[in-house]
Amino acid sequence: MTAPAADRTDAPPRRSYPTDEELLARVLVPYKANCKYLKAAEVTAGAGLAAARCEFAIPESCYIDDTGHLNAVEVNIAYNQMMYYLVAKSVREGLLTGFEGWTLDDFWRHQLPDILIARFASNFRRPVDPRRFTGEMEFRSVTRRTPGGAAPFLHAQTAFRYQDAHGGRCDGEATLAFVNVP
């Protein structure tokens, strides 16, 4: 990942938002009880972009016997939860370019059917302990597109990474499409 805006000397000031427990619980409603991996998320924002630093715990995989490390499916589930929370918090606080007209009701309506992962790539550097790890995600860009007269959608480039206290590391990028946008 490139240096976050907060680490660059030319960056505008960033605002920080601690975990909103009520919002986090609502974001995780679609997940089964044993698949609620996201425990906390601090959101930072500035210049129309937003990022999150998160805490995760996966006491037991929701679909497979214990592998002893974070696997590709859990990376994706953790990414979804981190992304959903970051978008919901950004909508609530008016932080992210492209979502200025959204309300939380819009987000809840679009959360599952209209937020699509168009591309997802992850790189496993060292095994990550799924029982306790941290994650970071940032929106690198959000643009509104209307391809050839079709319905407009939001196109977003994101990057993420996970790590644990033992040097485990995984990172990647995802391209999102927000369709049927308000």
N, C-alpha and C. Protein backbone atom coordinates (compact mmCIF):
# COMPACT_ATOMS: atom_id res chain seq x y z
N MET A 1 0.85 -1.17 0.00
CA MET A 1 0.00 0.00 0.00
C MET A 1 0.89 1.23 0.00
N THR A 2 0.44 2.25 -0.64
CA THR A 2 1.18 3.49 -0.60
C THR A 2 0.97 4.14 0.75
N ALA A 3 1.81 5.12 1.04
CA ALA A 3 1.67 5.81 2.32
C ALA A 3 0.30 6.46 2.40
N PRO A 4 -0.43 6.21 3.49
CA PRO A 4 -1.73 6.86 3.63
C PRO A 4 -1.58 8.37 3.65
N ALA A 5 -2.64 9.03 3.24
CA ALA A 5 -2.60 10.49 3.18
C ALA A 5 -2.14 11.10 4.49
N ALA A 6 -2.51 10.46 5.61
CA ALA A 6 -2.16 11.01 6.92
C ALA A 6 -0.64 11.00 7.15
N ASP A 7 0.09 10.14 6.42
CA ASP A 7 1.54 10.04 6.60
C ASP A 7 2.32 10.95 5.66
N ARG A 8 1.64 11.57 4.70
CA ARG A 8 2.34 12.44 3.75
C ARG A 8 2.31 13.87 4.27
N THR A 9 3.39 14.59 4.02
CA THR A 9 3.48 15.95 4.53
C THR A 9 2.56 16.92 3.79
N ASP A 10 2.18 16.61 2.54
CA ASP A 10 1.32 17.49 1.76
C ASP A 10 -0.17 17.18 1.96
N ALA A 11 -0.49 16.23 2.80
CA ALA A 11 -1.86 15.77 2.97
C ALA A 11 -2.66 16.75 3.84
N PRO A 12 -3.96 16.92 3.48
CA PRO A 12 -4.82 17.72 4.35
C PRO A 12 -5.07 16.98 5.65
N PRO A 13 -5.49 17.68 6.69
CA PRO A 13 -5.74 17.01 7.97
C PRO A 13 -6.81 15.92 7.82
N ARG A 14 -6.64 14.86 8.57
CA ARG A 14 -7.59 13.75 8.53
C ARG A 14 -8.37 13.72 9.84
N ARG A 15 -9.63 13.35 9.73
CA ARG A 15 -10.46 13.17 10.90
C ARG A 15 -10.48 11.70 11.29
N SER A 16 -10.65 11.42 12.56
CA SER A 16 -10.65 10.05 13.06
C SER A 16 -11.94 9.77 13.81
N TYR A 17 -12.47 8.56 13.61
CA TYR A 17 -13.72 8.16 14.23
C TYR A 17 -13.53 6.79 14.88
N PRO A 18 -13.70 6.69 16.20
CA PRO A 18 -13.57 5.38 16.87
C PRO A 18 -14.74 4.47 16.48
N THR A 19 -14.66 3.24 16.89
CA THR A 19 -15.71 2.26 16.59
C THR A 19 -17.07 2.75 17.08
N ASP A 20 -18.04 2.71 16.19
CA ASP A 20 -19.43 3.00 16.51
C ASP A 20 -20.09 1.64 16.71
N GLU A 21 -20.22 1.22 17.97
CA GLU A 21 -20.69 -0.13 18.30
C GLU A 21 -22.07 -0.43 17.70
N GLU A 22 -22.96 0.55 17.77
CA GLU A 22 -24.31 0.35 17.23
C GLU A 22 -24.27 0.15 15.72
N LEU A 23 -23.49 0.97 15.03
CA LEU A 23 -23.37 0.85 13.58
C LEU A 23 -22.70 -0.47 13.20
N LEU A 24 -21.66 -0.86 13.93
CA LEU A 24 -20.97 -2.12 13.65
C LEU A 24 -21.94 -3.30 13.79
N ALA A 25 -22.72 -3.31 14.85
CA ALA A 25 -23.68 -4.39 15.05
C ALA A 25 -24.67 -4.45 13.89
N ARG A 26 -25.14 -3.31 13.43
CA ARG A 26 -26.11 -3.26 12.32
C ARG A 26 -25.47 -3.72 11.01
N VAL A 27 -24.22 -3.33 10.75
CA VAL A 27 -23.51 -3.75 9.54
C VAL A 27 -23.37 -5.27 9.50
N LEU A 28 -23.17 -5.89 10.67
CA LEU A 28 -22.94 -7.33 10.73
C LEU A 28 -24.22 -8.17 10.80
N VAL A 29 -25.38 -7.53 10.80
CA VAL A 29 -26.66 -8.26 10.88
C VAL A 29 -26.78 -9.36 9.82
N PRO A 30 -26.38 -9.16 8.57
CA PRO A 30 -26.55 -10.22 7.57
C PRO A 30 -25.71 -11.48 7.83
N TYR A 31 -24.72 -11.40 8.69
CA TYR A 31 -23.81 -12.53 8.91
C TYR A 31 -24.33 -13.45 10.01
N LYS A 32 -24.09 -14.73 9.82
CA LYS A 32 -24.41 -15.71 10.86
C LYS A 32 -23.53 -15.44 12.07
N ALA A 33 -24.00 -15.81 13.24
CA ALA A 33 -23.30 -15.48 14.49
C ALA A 33 -21.84 -15.92 14.48
N ASN A 34 -21.53 -17.08 13.92
CA ASN A 34 -20.15 -17.55 13.92
C ASN A 34 -19.30 -16.97 12.79
N CYS A 35 -19.85 -16.03 12.04
CA CYS A 35 -19.12 -15.38 10.94
C CYS A 35 -18.94 -13.88 11.17
N LYS A 36 -19.14 -13.41 12.37
CA LYS A 36 -18.97 -11.99 12.67
C LYS A 36 -17.55 -11.78 13.17
N TYR A 37 -16.63 -11.59 12.24
CA TYR A 37 -15.21 -11.54 12.54
C TYR A 37 -14.73 -10.16 12.97
N LEU A 38 -15.35 -9.10 12.46
CA LEU A 38 -14.93 -7.73 12.75
C LEU A 38 -15.35 -7.34 14.16
N LYS A 39 -14.38 -6.93 14.98
CA LYS A 39 -14.65 -6.59 16.38
C LYS A 39 -14.57 -5.10 16.66
N ALA A 40 -13.72 -4.38 15.94
CA ALA A 40 -13.56 -2.93 16.14
C ALA A 40 -13.00 -2.33 14.86
N ALA A 41 -13.32 -1.05 14.64
CA ALA A 41 -12.83 -0.37 13.44
C ALA A 41 -12.72 1.13 13.70
N GLU A 42 -11.53 1.66 13.54
CA GLU A 42 -11.32 3.11 13.60
C GLU A 42 -11.22 3.62 12.18
N VAL A 43 -12.05 4.60 11.86
CA VAL A 43 -12.09 5.16 10.51
C VAL A 43 -11.38 6.49 10.51
N THR A 44 -10.57 6.72 9.48
CA THR A 44 -9.95 8.03 9.26
C THR A 44 -10.36 8.50 7.87
N ALA A 45 -10.44 9.81 7.70
CA ALA A 45 -10.88 10.34 6.42
C ALA A 45 -10.32 11.73 6.20
N GLY A 46 -10.16 12.04 4.94
CA GLY A 46 -9.73 13.36 4.51
C GLY A 46 -9.68 13.41 3.01
N ALA A 47 -9.91 14.56 2.43
CA ALA A 47 -9.84 14.78 0.99
C ALA A 47 -10.76 13.84 0.21
N GLY A 48 -11.92 13.50 0.79
CA GLY A 48 -12.90 12.68 0.09
C GLY A 48 -12.63 11.19 0.07
N LEU A 49 -11.57 10.75 0.73
CA LEU A 49 -11.27 9.32 0.81
C LEU A 49 -11.29 8.89 2.27
N ALA A 50 -11.42 7.58 2.49
CA ALA A 50 -11.53 7.07 3.85
C ALA A 50 -10.74 5.76 3.98
N ALA A 51 -10.36 5.47 5.22
CA ALA A 51 -9.62 4.24 5.52
C ALA A 51 -10.09 3.72 6.87
N ALA A 52 -9.81 2.45 7.14
CA ALA A 52 -10.18 1.85 8.42
C ALA A 52 -9.03 0.99 8.92
N ARG A 53 -8.85 1.02 10.24
CA ARG A 53 -7.94 0.10 10.93
C ARG A 53 -8.81 -0.75 11.83
N CYS A 54 -8.72 -2.05 11.67
CA CYS A 54 -9.70 -2.93 12.29
C CYS A 54 -9.05 -4.03 13.13
N GLU A 55 -9.84 -4.56 14.05
CA GLU A 55 -9.46 -5.72 14.84
C GLU A 55 -10.41 -6.85 14.51
N PHE A 56 -9.84 -8.04 14.31
CA PHE A 56 -10.61 -9.22 13.95
C PHE A 56 -10.29 -10.37 14.89
N ALA A 57 -11.24 -11.29 15.00
CA ALA A 57 -11.01 -12.55 15.70
C ALA A 57 -11.88 -13.61 15.04
N ILE A 58 -11.25 -14.73 14.71
CA ILE A 58 -11.96 -15.87 14.14
C ILE A 58 -11.65 -17.06 15.04
N PRO A 59 -12.48 -17.27 16.08
CA PRO A 59 -12.20 -18.36 17.01
C PRO A 59 -12.29 -19.73 16.34
N GLU A 60 -13.19 -19.83 15.34
CA GLU A 60 -13.37 -21.10 14.64
C GLU A 60 -13.91 -20.78 13.24
N SER A 61 -13.33 -21.39 12.23
CA SER A 61 -13.78 -21.16 10.87
C SER A 61 -15.25 -21.51 10.74
N CYS A 62 -15.96 -20.76 9.93
CA CYS A 62 -17.39 -21.00 9.75
C CYS A 62 -17.68 -22.09 8.73
N TYR A 63 -16.65 -22.61 8.05
CA TYR A 63 -16.93 -23.55 6.97
C TYR A 63 -15.96 -24.72 6.83
N ILE A 64 -14.84 -24.72 7.55
CA ILE A 64 -13.83 -25.75 7.35
C ILE A 64 -13.16 -26.07 8.69
N ASP A 65 -12.56 -27.26 8.77
CA ASP A 65 -11.77 -27.58 9.96
C ASP A 65 -10.63 -26.58 10.09
N ASP A 66 -10.09 -26.46 11.26
CA ASP A 66 -9.03 -25.49 11.55
C ASP A 66 -7.80 -25.70 10.67
N THR A 67 -7.45 -24.68 9.91
CA THR A 67 -6.26 -24.74 9.06
C THR A 67 -5.04 -24.20 9.80
N GLY A 68 -5.28 -23.46 10.90
CA GLY A 68 -4.18 -22.87 11.66
C GLY A 68 -3.72 -21.53 11.12
N HIS A 69 -4.32 -21.08 10.04
CA HIS A 69 -3.94 -19.78 9.45
C HIS A 69 -5.14 -19.17 8.75
N LEU A 70 -5.07 -17.88 8.55
CA LEU A 70 -6.11 -17.16 7.81
C LEU A 70 -6.08 -17.67 6.37
N ASN A 71 -7.24 -18.08 5.87
CA ASN A 71 -7.27 -18.60 4.50
C ASN A 71 -8.02 -17.66 3.57
N ALA A 72 -8.04 -17.97 2.30
CA ALA A 72 -8.58 -17.07 1.28
C ALA A 72 -10.05 -16.72 1.51
N VAL A 73 -10.86 -17.68 1.94
CA VAL A 73 -12.28 -17.40 2.17
C VAL A 73 -12.44 -16.42 3.33
N GLU A 74 -11.70 -16.64 4.41
CA GLU A 74 -11.79 -15.75 5.56
C GLU A 74 -11.23 -14.37 5.25
N VAL A 75 -10.20 -14.29 4.41
CA VAL A 75 -9.68 -12.99 3.96
C VAL A 75 -10.80 -12.21 3.29
N ASN A 76 -11.54 -12.88 2.43
CA ASN A 76 -12.63 -12.21 1.71
C ASN A 76 -13.76 -11.81 2.64
N ILE A 77 -14.15 -12.69 3.57
CA ILE A 77 -15.23 -12.35 4.52
C ILE A 77 -14.80 -11.16 5.38
N ALA A 78 -13.57 -11.18 5.88
CA ALA A 78 -13.07 -10.07 6.71
C ALA A 78 -13.04 -8.78 5.88
N TYR A 79 -12.63 -8.88 4.62
CA TYR A 79 -12.62 -7.70 3.75
C TYR A 79 -14.03 -7.14 3.61
N ASN A 80 -15.00 -8.00 3.33
CA ASN A 80 -16.38 -7.54 3.17
C ASN A 80 -16.86 -6.80 4.41
N GLN A 81 -16.61 -7.37 5.59
CA GLN A 81 -17.08 -6.73 6.82
C GLN A 81 -16.40 -5.39 7.03
N MET A 82 -15.09 -5.33 6.77
CA MET A 82 -14.34 -4.08 6.91
C MET A 82 -14.86 -3.04 5.92
N MET A 83 -15.09 -3.45 4.68
CA MET A 83 -15.56 -2.53 3.65
C MET A 83 -16.98 -2.05 3.96
N TYR A 84 -17.88 -2.96 4.34
CA TYR A 84 -19.24 -2.55 4.65
C TYR A 84 -19.25 -1.53 5.80
N TYR A 85 -18.47 -1.79 6.83
CA TYR A 85 -18.44 -0.85 7.95
C TYR A 85 -17.87 0.49 7.49
N LEU A 86 -16.79 0.47 6.73
CA LEU A 86 -16.16 1.71 6.27
C LEU A 86 -17.13 2.52 5.42
N VAL A 87 -17.86 1.87 4.53
CA VAL A 87 -18.83 2.61 3.70
C VAL A 87 -19.96 3.14 4.57
N ALA A 88 -20.50 2.32 5.47
CA ALA A 88 -21.60 2.77 6.33
C ALA A 88 -21.17 3.97 7.18
N LYS A 89 -19.99 3.90 7.78
CA LYS A 89 -19.50 5.02 8.60
C LYS A 89 -19.27 6.25 7.72
N SER A 90 -18.75 6.04 6.52
CA SER A 90 -18.53 7.16 5.61
C SER A 90 -19.83 7.82 5.20
N VAL A 91 -20.86 7.01 4.98
CA VAL A 91 -22.18 7.56 4.64
C VAL A 91 -22.72 8.35 5.83
N ARG A 92 -22.65 7.76 7.02
CA ARG A 92 -23.16 8.44 8.22
C ARG A 92 -22.48 9.78 8.45
N GLU A 93 -21.16 9.84 8.25
CA GLU A 93 -20.39 11.04 8.55
C GLU A 93 -20.13 11.94 7.34
N GLY A 94 -20.54 11.52 6.15
CA GLY A 94 -20.31 12.30 4.94
C GLY A 94 -18.84 12.37 4.57
N LEU A 95 -18.13 11.24 4.57
CA LEU A 95 -16.68 11.23 4.42
C LEU A 95 -16.17 10.90 3.02
N LEU A 96 -16.87 10.09 2.26
CA LEU A 96 -16.32 9.47 1.07
C LEU A 96 -16.93 10.05 -0.20
N THR A 97 -16.06 10.49 -1.10
CA THR A 97 -16.50 10.99 -2.40
C THR A 97 -17.39 9.97 -3.09
N GLY A 98 -18.45 10.45 -3.73
CA GLY A 98 -19.35 9.58 -4.46
C GLY A 98 -20.57 9.16 -3.67
N PHE A 99 -20.51 9.31 -2.36
CA PHE A 99 -21.62 8.88 -1.50
C PHE A 99 -22.32 10.07 -0.84
N GLU A 100 -22.07 11.26 -1.34
CA GLU A 100 -22.63 12.46 -0.71
C GLU A 100 -24.15 12.43 -0.62
N GLY A 101 -24.82 11.86 -1.59
CA GLY A 101 -26.28 11.83 -1.60
C GLY A 101 -26.88 10.63 -0.88
N TRP A 102 -26.04 9.75 -0.37
CA TRP A 102 -26.53 8.53 0.29
C TRP A 102 -26.96 8.82 1.72
N THR A 103 -27.98 8.08 2.16
CA THR A 103 -28.37 8.04 3.56
C THR A 103 -28.05 6.64 4.08
N LEU A 104 -28.12 6.44 5.37
CA LEU A 104 -27.92 5.09 5.89
C LEU A 104 -29.00 4.14 5.38
N ASP A 105 -30.21 4.63 5.18
CA ASP A 105 -31.26 3.78 4.60
C ASP A 105 -30.85 3.31 3.20
N ASP A 106 -30.22 4.20 2.42
CA ASP A 106 -29.70 3.79 1.10
C ASP A 106 -28.66 2.69 1.27
N PHE A 107 -27.74 2.88 2.22
CA PHE A 107 -26.71 1.86 2.43
C PHE A 107 -27.33 0.52 2.78
N TRP A 108 -28.26 0.49 3.74
CA TRP A 108 -28.86 -0.79 4.15
C TRP A 108 -29.56 -1.45 2.97
N ARG A 109 -30.21 -0.67 2.13
CA ARG A 109 -30.92 -1.22 0.97
C ARG A 109 -29.93 -1.79 -0.06
N HIS A 110 -28.76 -1.17 -0.19
CA HIS A 110 -27.78 -1.58 -1.21
C HIS A 110 -26.72 -2.54 -0.70
N GLN A 111 -26.60 -2.71 0.62
CA GLN A 111 -25.48 -3.45 1.21
C GLN A 111 -25.24 -4.80 0.54
N LEU A 112 -26.22 -5.64 0.45
CA LEU A 112 -25.99 -6.97 -0.11
C LEU A 112 -26.21 -7.07 -1.62
N PRO A 113 -27.30 -6.53 -2.16
CA PRO A 113 -27.52 -6.78 -3.59
C PRO A 113 -26.72 -5.91 -4.55
N ASP A 114 -26.27 -4.74 -4.12
CA ASP A 114 -25.73 -3.76 -5.07
C ASP A 114 -24.28 -3.35 -4.86
N ILE A 115 -23.59 -3.97 -3.93
CA ILE A 115 -22.16 -3.69 -3.73
C ILE A 115 -21.43 -4.94 -4.17
N LEU A 116 -20.77 -4.83 -5.32
CA LEU A 116 -20.16 -5.99 -5.96
C LEU A 116 -18.64 -5.90 -5.94
N ILE A 117 -18.00 -7.01 -5.70
CA ILE A 117 -16.55 -7.09 -5.86
C ILE A 117 -16.30 -7.50 -7.30
N ALA A 118 -15.76 -6.57 -8.09
CA ALA A 118 -15.49 -6.84 -9.50
C ALA A 118 -14.15 -7.56 -9.68
N ARG A 119 -13.22 -7.28 -8.80
CA ARG A 119 -11.91 -7.94 -8.84
C ARG A 119 -11.37 -8.01 -7.43
N PHE A 120 -10.78 -9.15 -7.07
CA PHE A 120 -10.24 -9.34 -5.73
C PHE A 120 -8.95 -10.13 -5.85
N ALA A 121 -7.87 -9.58 -5.35
CA ALA A 121 -6.57 -10.26 -5.38
C ALA A 121 -5.93 -10.16 -4.01
N SER A 122 -5.44 -11.28 -3.52
CA SER A 122 -4.75 -11.27 -2.23
C SER A 122 -3.42 -11.99 -2.36
N ASN A 123 -2.47 -11.53 -1.55
CA ASN A 123 -1.12 -12.08 -1.52
C ASN A 123 -0.83 -12.52 -0.10
N PHE A 124 -0.51 -13.78 0.07
CA PHE A 124 -0.20 -14.31 1.38
C PHE A 124 1.32 -14.30 1.55
N ARG A 125 1.81 -13.42 2.42
CA ARG A 125 3.24 -13.26 2.62
C ARG A 125 3.78 -14.22 3.69
N ARG A 126 3.08 -14.24 4.84
CA ARG A 126 3.39 -15.15 5.96
C ARG A 126 2.07 -15.51 6.61
N PRO A 127 1.91 -16.74 7.10
CA PRO A 127 0.62 -17.14 7.69
C PRO A 127 0.17 -16.18 8.80
N VAL A 128 -1.10 -15.83 8.76
CA VAL A 128 -1.72 -14.94 9.74
C VAL A 128 -2.56 -15.78 10.69
N ASP A 129 -2.39 -15.55 11.99
CA ASP A 129 -3.17 -16.25 13.01
C ASP A 129 -4.60 -15.68 13.00
N PRO A 130 -5.59 -16.49 12.64
CA PRO A 130 -6.95 -15.97 12.54
C PRO A 130 -7.61 -15.66 13.88
N ARG A 131 -7.06 -16.17 14.97
CA ARG A 131 -7.69 -15.96 16.27
C ARG A 131 -7.60 -14.51 16.74
N ARG A 132 -6.59 -13.81 16.28
CA ARG A 132 -6.46 -12.39 16.62
C ARG A 132 -5.52 -11.74 15.60
N PHE A 133 -6.08 -10.82 14.82
CA PHE A 133 -5.27 -10.13 13.83
C PHE A 133 -5.88 -8.76 13.55
N THR A 134 -5.12 -7.93 12.90
CA THR A 134 -5.60 -6.60 12.54
C THR A 134 -5.68 -6.49 11.02
N GLY A 135 -6.48 -5.55 10.59
CA GLY A 135 -6.63 -5.31 9.16
C GLY A 135 -6.73 -3.83 8.90
N GLU A 136 -6.32 -3.45 7.72
CA GLU A 136 -6.45 -2.07 7.26
C GLU A 136 -7.01 -2.09 5.86
N MET A 137 -7.79 -1.09 5.56
CA MET A 137 -8.37 -0.95 4.24
C MET A 137 -8.43 0.53 3.90
N GLU A 138 -8.19 0.83 2.64
CA GLU A 138 -8.34 2.22 2.21
C GLU A 138 -9.01 2.29 0.85
N PHE A 139 -9.84 3.29 0.69
CA PHE A 139 -10.38 3.62 -0.62
C PHE A 139 -9.34 4.51 -1.29
N ARG A 140 -8.84 4.07 -2.42
CA ARG A 140 -7.85 4.86 -3.17
C ARG A 140 -8.52 5.80 -4.16
N SER A 141 -9.68 5.40 -4.67
CA SER A 141 -10.43 6.27 -5.58
C SER A 141 -11.88 5.80 -5.64
N VAL A 142 -12.75 6.75 -5.89
CA VAL A 142 -14.16 6.47 -6.15
C VAL A 142 -14.58 7.38 -7.28
N THR A 143 -15.08 6.79 -8.37
CA THR A 143 -15.53 7.59 -9.51
C THR A 143 -16.91 7.13 -9.94
N ARG A 144 -17.70 8.07 -10.41
CA ARG A 144 -19.03 7.76 -10.94
C ARG A 144 -18.87 7.51 -12.43
N ARG A 145 -19.42 6.40 -12.90
CA ARG A 145 -19.31 6.04 -14.31
C ARG A 145 -20.70 5.78 -14.89
N THR A 146 -20.84 6.14 -16.15
CA THR A 146 -22.07 5.86 -16.90
C THR A 146 -21.63 5.30 -18.25
N PRO A 147 -21.42 4.00 -18.33
CA PRO A 147 -20.90 3.41 -19.56
C PRO A 147 -21.94 3.34 -20.68
N GLY A 148 -21.67 4.00 -21.79
CA GLY A 148 -22.51 3.91 -22.98
C GLY A 148 -23.99 4.10 -22.73
N GLY A 149 -24.35 5.06 -21.89
CA GLY A 149 -25.76 5.33 -21.64
C GLY A 149 -26.40 4.37 -20.64
N ALA A 150 -25.64 3.42 -20.12
CA ALA A 150 -26.18 2.49 -19.12
C ALA A 150 -26.38 3.22 -17.80
N ALA A 151 -26.99 2.53 -16.87
CA ALA A 151 -27.23 3.11 -15.55
C ALA A 151 -25.89 3.47 -14.89
N PRO A 152 -25.83 4.60 -14.21
CA PRO A 152 -24.58 4.98 -13.55
C PRO A 152 -24.25 4.05 -12.39
N PHE A 153 -22.96 3.93 -12.12
CA PHE A 153 -22.50 3.16 -10.97
C PHE A 153 -21.25 3.82 -10.42
N LEU A 154 -20.91 3.47 -9.18
CA LEU A 154 -19.68 3.95 -8.58
C LEU A 154 -18.62 2.87 -8.71
N HIS A 155 -17.45 3.26 -9.14
CA HIS A 155 -16.32 2.36 -9.32
C HIS A 155 -15.28 2.76 -8.27
N ALA A 156 -14.83 1.81 -7.46
CA ALA A 156 -13.89 2.14 -6.39
C ALA A 156 -12.69 1.20 -6.43
N GLN A 157 -11.53 1.78 -6.24
CA GLN A 157 -10.29 1.03 -6.09
C GLN A 157 -9.94 1.03 -4.61
N THR A 158 -9.68 -0.15 -4.06
CA THR A 158 -9.34 -0.27 -2.65
C THR A 158 -8.09 -1.13 -2.48
N ALA A 159 -7.46 -0.99 -1.34
CA ALA A 159 -6.33 -1.83 -0.96
C ALA A 159 -6.54 -2.26 0.49
N PHE A 160 -6.00 -3.43 0.83
CA PHE A 160 -6.15 -3.93 2.19
C PHE A 160 -4.91 -4.70 2.60
N ARG A 161 -4.79 -4.89 3.91
CA ARG A 161 -3.74 -5.76 4.44
C ARG A 161 -4.16 -6.25 5.81
N TYR A 162 -3.64 -7.44 6.15
CA TYR A 162 -3.86 -8.03 7.46
C TYR A 162 -2.51 -8.39 8.05
N GLN A 163 -2.44 -8.37 9.37
CA GLN A 163 -1.21 -8.79 10.05
C GLN A 163 -1.55 -9.27 11.45
N ASP A 164 -0.62 -10.04 12.02
CA ASP A 164 -0.80 -10.49 13.39
C ASP A 164 0.44 -10.14 14.20
N ALA A 165 0.41 -10.46 15.48
CA ALA A 165 1.50 -10.11 16.38
C ALA A 165 2.76 -10.95 16.15
N HIS A 166 2.66 -11.97 15.31
CA HIS A 166 3.79 -12.88 15.08
C HIS A 166 4.44 -12.69 13.72
N GLY A 167 4.14 -11.59 13.05
CA GLY A 167 4.73 -11.31 11.74
C GLY A 167 3.95 -11.85 10.57
N GLY A 168 2.78 -12.43 10.82
CA GLY A 168 1.94 -12.90 9.72
C GLY A 168 1.47 -11.71 8.90
N ARG A 169 1.37 -11.92 7.59
CA ARG A 169 1.01 -10.79 6.73
C ARG A 169 0.33 -11.26 5.45
N CYS A 170 -0.70 -10.54 5.08
CA CYS A 170 -1.44 -10.77 3.84
C CYS A 170 -1.88 -9.40 3.35
N ASP A 171 -1.83 -9.18 2.05
CA ASP A 171 -2.30 -7.90 1.52
C ASP A 171 -2.95 -8.13 0.16
N GLY A 172 -3.59 -7.09 -0.34
CA GLY A 172 -4.24 -7.23 -1.64
C GLY A 172 -4.97 -5.98 -2.07
N GLU A 173 -5.66 -6.13 -3.17
CA GLU A 173 -6.45 -5.04 -3.75
C GLU A 173 -7.79 -5.57 -4.19
N ALA A 174 -8.78 -4.70 -4.17
CA ALA A 174 -10.11 -5.07 -4.65
C ALA A 174 -10.71 -3.89 -5.40
N THR A 175 -11.40 -4.20 -6.48
CA THR A 175 -12.16 -3.22 -7.23
C THR A 175 -13.63 -3.46 -6.94
N LEU A 176 -14.33 -2.41 -6.57
CA LEU A 176 -15.74 -2.51 -6.22
C LEU A 176 -16.60 -1.78 -7.24
N ALA A 177 -17.81 -2.28 -7.43
CA ALA A 177 -18.82 -1.61 -8.24
C ALA A 177 -20.07 -1.47 -7.37
N PHE A 178 -20.53 -0.25 -7.22
CA PHE A 178 -21.75 0.04 -6.48
C PHE A 178 -22.80 0.33 -7.56
N VAL A 179 -23.71 -0.62 -7.77
CA VAL A 179 -24.70 -0.49 -8.84
C VAL A 179 -26.03 -0.03 -8.27
N ASN A 180 -26.92 0.41 -9.16
CA ASN A 180 -28.23 0.91 -8.75
C ASN A 180 -28.09 2.02 -7.72
N VAL A 181 -27.13 2.90 -7.95
CA VAL A 181 -26.85 3.96 -6.97
C VAL A 181 -27.94 5.01 -6.97
N PRO A 182 -28.17 5.60 -5.80
CA PRO A 182 -29.20 6.64 -5.71
C PRO A 182 -28.80 7.90 -6.47
